[in-house]
Amino acid sequence: MRHLEETGQVGRELTIDRAGTGARRRGNMEGVKTRPGLDRDESPPAVFKESQGASLRHIPSSDNRSAGAQIGRQIKGLPNGTKIIIKGVD
């Protein structure tokens, strides 16, 4: 969540676009090496159309996968093209 907050994605409207996820992720990850125990986190996540040219950071794998799973559960069943807003928690 910190990466999303620091890059201004919390409160911003994002568009679900599952079909383009792989291409955006490949483009965003190009040239960024992996590190043991860390994932390359995208902000905003690749499932959103606005992710092209996303900010990338290495974060603990468990944090990244947990956040991704939470977002995935929350958008499950919503069709591509749906606009969502990620909200921060207090």
N, C-alpha and C. Protein backbone atom coordinates (compact mmCIF):
# COMPACT_ATOMS: atom_id res chain seq x y z
N MET A 1 0.82 -1.19 0.00
CA MET A 1 0.00 0.00 0.00
C MET A 1 0.87 1.26 0.00
N ARG A 2 2.02 1.20 0.66
CA ARG A 2 2.89 2.37 0.73
C ARG A 2 3.30 2.83 -0.66
N HIS A 3 3.66 1.89 -1.54
CA HIS A 3 4.08 2.24 -2.90
C HIS A 3 2.93 2.94 -3.63
N LEU A 4 1.72 2.43 -3.48
CA LEU A 4 0.55 3.07 -4.10
C LEU A 4 0.35 4.48 -3.57
N GLU A 5 0.50 4.65 -2.26
CA GLU A 5 0.33 5.97 -1.66
C GLU A 5 1.41 6.93 -2.14
N GLU A 6 2.66 6.47 -2.14
CA GLU A 6 3.78 7.35 -2.49
C GLU A 6 3.79 7.73 -3.97
N THR A 7 3.11 6.97 -4.80
CA THR A 7 3.06 7.30 -6.23
C THR A 7 1.73 7.94 -6.63
N GLY A 8 0.92 8.30 -5.65
CA GLY A 8 -0.31 9.03 -5.93
C GLY A 8 -1.44 8.20 -6.51
N GLN A 9 -1.41 6.89 -6.31
CA GLN A 9 -2.45 6.03 -6.88
C GLN A 9 -3.66 5.87 -5.98
N VAL A 10 -3.50 6.09 -4.68
CA VAL A 10 -4.63 6.00 -3.76
C VAL A 10 -5.55 7.19 -4.03
N GLY A 11 -6.82 6.90 -4.25
CA GLY A 11 -7.80 7.93 -4.55
C GLY A 11 -7.92 8.26 -6.03
N ARG A 12 -7.08 7.69 -6.85
CA ARG A 12 -7.09 7.93 -8.30
C ARG A 12 -7.99 6.91 -8.98
N GLU A 13 -8.72 7.32 -10.00
CA GLU A 13 -9.56 6.39 -10.75
C GLU A 13 -8.68 5.53 -11.65
N LEU A 14 -8.88 4.21 -11.59
CA LEU A 14 -8.13 3.25 -12.40
C LEU A 14 -9.12 2.37 -13.15
N THR A 15 -8.71 1.88 -14.32
CA THR A 15 -9.58 1.10 -15.20
C THR A 15 -9.12 -0.34 -15.27
N ILE A 16 -9.99 -1.29 -14.93
CA ILE A 16 -9.65 -2.71 -15.01
C ILE A 16 -9.48 -3.09 -16.48
N ASP A 17 -8.34 -3.72 -16.80
CA ASP A 17 -8.05 -4.17 -18.17
C ASP A 17 -7.19 -5.43 -18.09
N ARG A 18 -7.84 -6.55 -17.79
CA ARG A 18 -7.11 -7.81 -17.61
C ARG A 18 -6.39 -8.25 -18.88
N ALA A 19 -7.00 -8.00 -20.05
CA ALA A 19 -6.43 -8.47 -21.31
C ALA A 19 -5.04 -7.89 -21.56
N GLY A 20 -4.77 -6.70 -21.12
CA GLY A 20 -3.48 -6.06 -21.37
C GLY A 20 -2.46 -6.24 -20.26
N THR A 21 -2.82 -7.02 -19.23
CA THR A 21 -1.95 -7.16 -18.06
C THR A 21 -0.55 -7.65 -18.42
N GLY A 22 -0.47 -8.74 -19.18
CA GLY A 22 0.83 -9.33 -19.51
C GLY A 22 1.73 -8.39 -20.27
N ALA A 23 1.19 -7.71 -21.27
CA ALA A 23 2.00 -6.79 -22.08
C ALA A 23 2.48 -5.61 -21.24
N ARG A 24 1.60 -5.06 -20.40
CA ARG A 24 2.03 -3.94 -19.55
C ARG A 24 3.10 -4.40 -18.57
N ARG A 25 2.91 -5.57 -17.97
CA ARG A 25 3.89 -6.06 -17.01
C ARG A 25 5.25 -6.27 -17.68
N ARG A 26 5.25 -6.90 -18.86
CA ARG A 26 6.53 -7.11 -19.56
C ARG A 26 7.22 -5.78 -19.85
N GLY A 27 6.46 -4.81 -20.32
CA GLY A 27 7.04 -3.50 -20.60
C GLY A 27 7.56 -2.81 -19.35
N ASN A 28 6.81 -2.90 -18.27
CA ASN A 28 7.21 -2.25 -17.02
C ASN A 28 8.44 -2.91 -16.40
N MET A 29 8.56 -4.22 -16.55
CA MET A 29 9.65 -4.96 -15.91
C MET A 29 10.94 -4.99 -16.74
N GLU A 30 10.83 -4.60 -17.99
CA GLU A 30 11.99 -4.68 -18.89
C GLU A 30 13.18 -3.93 -18.30
N GLY A 31 14.30 -4.64 -18.21
CA GLY A 31 15.54 -4.05 -17.73
C GLY A 31 15.66 -3.95 -16.22
N VAL A 32 14.65 -4.39 -15.47
CA VAL A 32 14.70 -4.34 -14.01
C VAL A 32 14.99 -5.74 -13.51
N LYS A 33 16.16 -5.93 -12.93
CA LYS A 33 16.58 -7.26 -12.48
C LYS A 33 15.84 -7.68 -11.21
N THR A 34 15.70 -8.99 -11.08
CA THR A 34 15.10 -9.55 -9.87
C THR A 34 16.13 -9.56 -8.75
N ARG A 35 15.65 -9.67 -7.52
CA ARG A 35 16.51 -9.77 -6.34
C ARG A 35 15.94 -10.89 -5.46
N PRO A 36 16.82 -11.69 -4.85
CA PRO A 36 16.35 -12.79 -4.00
C PRO A 36 15.43 -12.29 -2.88
N GLY A 37 14.29 -12.96 -2.73
CA GLY A 37 13.35 -12.65 -1.65
C GLY A 37 12.49 -11.42 -1.89
N LEU A 38 12.69 -10.77 -3.03
CA LEU A 38 11.94 -9.56 -3.33
C LEU A 38 11.18 -9.71 -4.64
N ASP A 39 10.05 -9.04 -4.73
CA ASP A 39 9.29 -8.95 -5.98
C ASP A 39 9.45 -7.55 -6.54
N ARG A 40 9.25 -7.44 -7.83
CA ARG A 40 9.21 -6.12 -8.47
C ARG A 40 7.75 -5.67 -8.44
N ASP A 41 7.48 -4.69 -7.62
CA ASP A 41 6.12 -4.20 -7.40
C ASP A 41 5.83 -3.04 -8.34
N GLU A 42 4.68 -3.10 -9.00
CA GLU A 42 4.26 -2.04 -9.91
C GLU A 42 3.20 -1.17 -9.25
N SER A 43 3.28 0.11 -9.50
CA SER A 43 2.25 1.03 -9.02
C SER A 43 1.91 2.00 -10.14
N PRO A 44 0.67 1.91 -10.65
CA PRO A 44 -0.40 1.02 -10.25
C PRO A 44 -0.17 -0.40 -10.78
N PRO A 45 -0.86 -1.38 -10.21
CA PRO A 45 -0.72 -2.77 -10.65
C PRO A 45 -1.06 -2.95 -12.13
N ALA A 46 -0.44 -3.95 -12.74
CA ALA A 46 -0.58 -4.19 -14.19
C ALA A 46 -2.00 -4.52 -14.63
N VAL A 47 -2.86 -4.93 -13.74
CA VAL A 47 -4.25 -5.25 -14.11
C VAL A 47 -5.02 -3.99 -14.51
N PHE A 48 -4.47 -2.83 -14.21
CA PHE A 48 -5.12 -1.57 -14.55
C PHE A 48 -4.50 -0.94 -15.79
N LYS A 49 -5.35 -0.44 -16.66
CA LYS A 49 -4.93 0.16 -17.93
C LYS A 49 -3.88 1.26 -17.71
N GLU A 50 -3.99 1.98 -16.64
CA GLU A 50 -3.10 3.10 -16.35
C GLU A 50 -1.71 2.67 -15.89
N SER A 51 -1.46 1.36 -15.86
CA SER A 51 -0.19 0.83 -15.37
C SER A 51 0.96 0.95 -16.36
N GLN A 52 0.69 1.26 -17.61
CA GLN A 52 1.77 1.38 -18.58
C GLN A 52 2.73 2.47 -18.10
N GLY A 53 4.02 2.12 -17.99
CA GLY A 53 5.01 3.06 -17.48
C GLY A 53 4.96 3.21 -15.97
N ALA A 54 4.47 2.19 -15.28
CA ALA A 54 4.29 2.22 -13.82
C ALA A 54 5.61 2.42 -13.08
N SER A 55 5.50 2.91 -11.86
CA SER A 55 6.63 2.97 -10.95
C SER A 55 6.96 1.55 -10.50
N LEU A 56 8.23 1.22 -10.42
CA LEU A 56 8.66 -0.12 -9.97
C LEU A 56 9.56 0.00 -8.76
N ARG A 57 9.33 -0.89 -7.79
CA ARG A 57 10.18 -0.98 -6.60
C ARG A 57 10.32 -2.44 -6.21
N HIS A 58 11.44 -2.76 -5.63
CA HIS A 58 11.61 -4.09 -5.05
C HIS A 58 11.05 -4.05 -3.63
N ILE A 59 10.12 -4.96 -3.34
CA ILE A 59 9.54 -5.05 -2.00
C ILE A 59 9.50 -6.52 -1.60
N PRO A 60 9.35 -6.82 -0.30
CA PRO A 60 9.28 -8.22 0.12
C PRO A 60 8.18 -8.97 -0.65
N SER A 61 8.52 -10.16 -1.11
CA SER A 61 7.59 -10.97 -1.90
C SER A 61 6.27 -11.17 -1.20
N SER A 62 6.30 -11.45 0.10
CA SER A 62 5.06 -11.72 0.83
C SER A 62 4.15 -10.49 0.84
N ASP A 63 4.71 -9.30 0.96
CA ASP A 63 3.90 -8.07 0.94
C ASP A 63 3.25 -7.88 -0.43
N ASN A 64 4.04 -8.06 -1.48
CA ASN A 64 3.53 -7.85 -2.83
C ASN A 64 2.43 -8.85 -3.17
N ARG A 65 2.64 -10.09 -2.84
CA ARG A 65 1.67 -11.12 -3.19
C ARG A 65 0.39 -10.99 -2.37
N SER A 66 0.52 -10.58 -1.13
CA SER A 66 -0.66 -10.36 -0.29
C SER A 66 -1.49 -9.19 -0.84
N ALA A 67 -0.83 -8.10 -1.18
CA ALA A 67 -1.55 -6.94 -1.72
C ALA A 67 -2.21 -7.28 -3.05
N GLY A 68 -1.50 -8.01 -3.91
CA GLY A 68 -2.06 -8.40 -5.20
C GLY A 68 -3.28 -9.29 -5.04
N ALA A 69 -3.21 -10.21 -4.08
CA ALA A 69 -4.34 -11.11 -3.83
C ALA A 69 -5.55 -10.32 -3.31
N GLN A 70 -5.31 -9.35 -2.45
CA GLN A 70 -6.40 -8.54 -1.93
C GLN A 70 -7.08 -7.74 -3.03
N ILE A 71 -6.29 -7.12 -3.89
CA ILE A 71 -6.87 -6.37 -5.01
C ILE A 71 -7.63 -7.32 -5.92
N GLY A 72 -7.03 -8.48 -6.21
CA GLY A 72 -7.69 -9.46 -7.08
C GLY A 72 -9.04 -9.90 -6.54
N ARG A 73 -9.13 -10.14 -5.23
CA ARG A 73 -10.41 -10.53 -4.62
C ARG A 73 -11.43 -9.40 -4.73
N GLN A 74 -10.98 -8.18 -4.55
CA GLN A 74 -11.91 -7.06 -4.56
C GLN A 74 -12.44 -6.72 -5.95
N ILE A 75 -11.67 -7.04 -6.99
CA ILE A 75 -12.16 -6.73 -8.35
C ILE A 75 -12.72 -7.97 -9.05
N LYS A 76 -12.68 -9.11 -8.38
CA LYS A 76 -13.22 -10.34 -8.97
C LYS A 76 -14.69 -10.12 -9.35
N GLY A 77 -15.03 -10.52 -10.55
CA GLY A 77 -16.40 -10.39 -11.01
C GLY A 77 -16.72 -9.05 -11.66
N LEU A 78 -15.83 -8.08 -11.52
CA LEU A 78 -16.05 -6.80 -12.19
C LEU A 78 -15.54 -6.91 -13.62
N PRO A 79 -16.30 -6.42 -14.59
CA PRO A 79 -15.87 -6.54 -15.98
C PRO A 79 -14.74 -5.58 -16.34
N ASN A 80 -13.99 -5.95 -17.38
CA ASN A 80 -12.99 -5.04 -17.93
C ASN A 80 -13.68 -3.73 -18.29
N GLY A 81 -12.98 -2.65 -18.09
CA GLY A 81 -13.54 -1.32 -18.36
C GLY A 81 -14.14 -0.67 -17.13
N THR A 82 -14.33 -1.45 -16.06
CA THR A 82 -14.86 -0.89 -14.82
C THR A 82 -13.83 0.06 -14.22
N LYS A 83 -14.29 1.20 -13.78
CA LYS A 83 -13.43 2.19 -13.11
C LYS A 83 -13.53 1.94 -11.61
N ILE A 84 -12.37 1.90 -10.96
CA ILE A 84 -12.35 1.71 -9.51
C ILE A 84 -11.44 2.78 -8.89
N ILE A 85 -11.56 2.93 -7.60
CA ILE A 85 -10.68 3.82 -6.85
C ILE A 85 -10.11 3.03 -5.69
N ILE A 86 -8.78 2.99 -5.58
CA ILE A 86 -8.13 2.33 -4.45
C ILE A 86 -8.14 3.32 -3.29
N LYS A 87 -8.67 2.87 -2.16
CA LYS A 87 -8.74 3.72 -0.98
C LYS A 87 -7.71 3.27 0.04
N GLY A 88 -7.12 4.21 0.73
CA GLY A 88 -6.19 3.90 1.80
C GLY A 88 -6.95 3.49 3.05
N VAL A 89 -6.25 2.90 3.96
CA VAL A 89 -6.87 2.52 5.24
C VAL A 89 -6.17 3.27 6.36
N ASP A 90 -6.93 3.58 7.38
CA ASP A 90 -6.36 4.29 8.54
C ASP A 90 -5.91 3.32 9.58
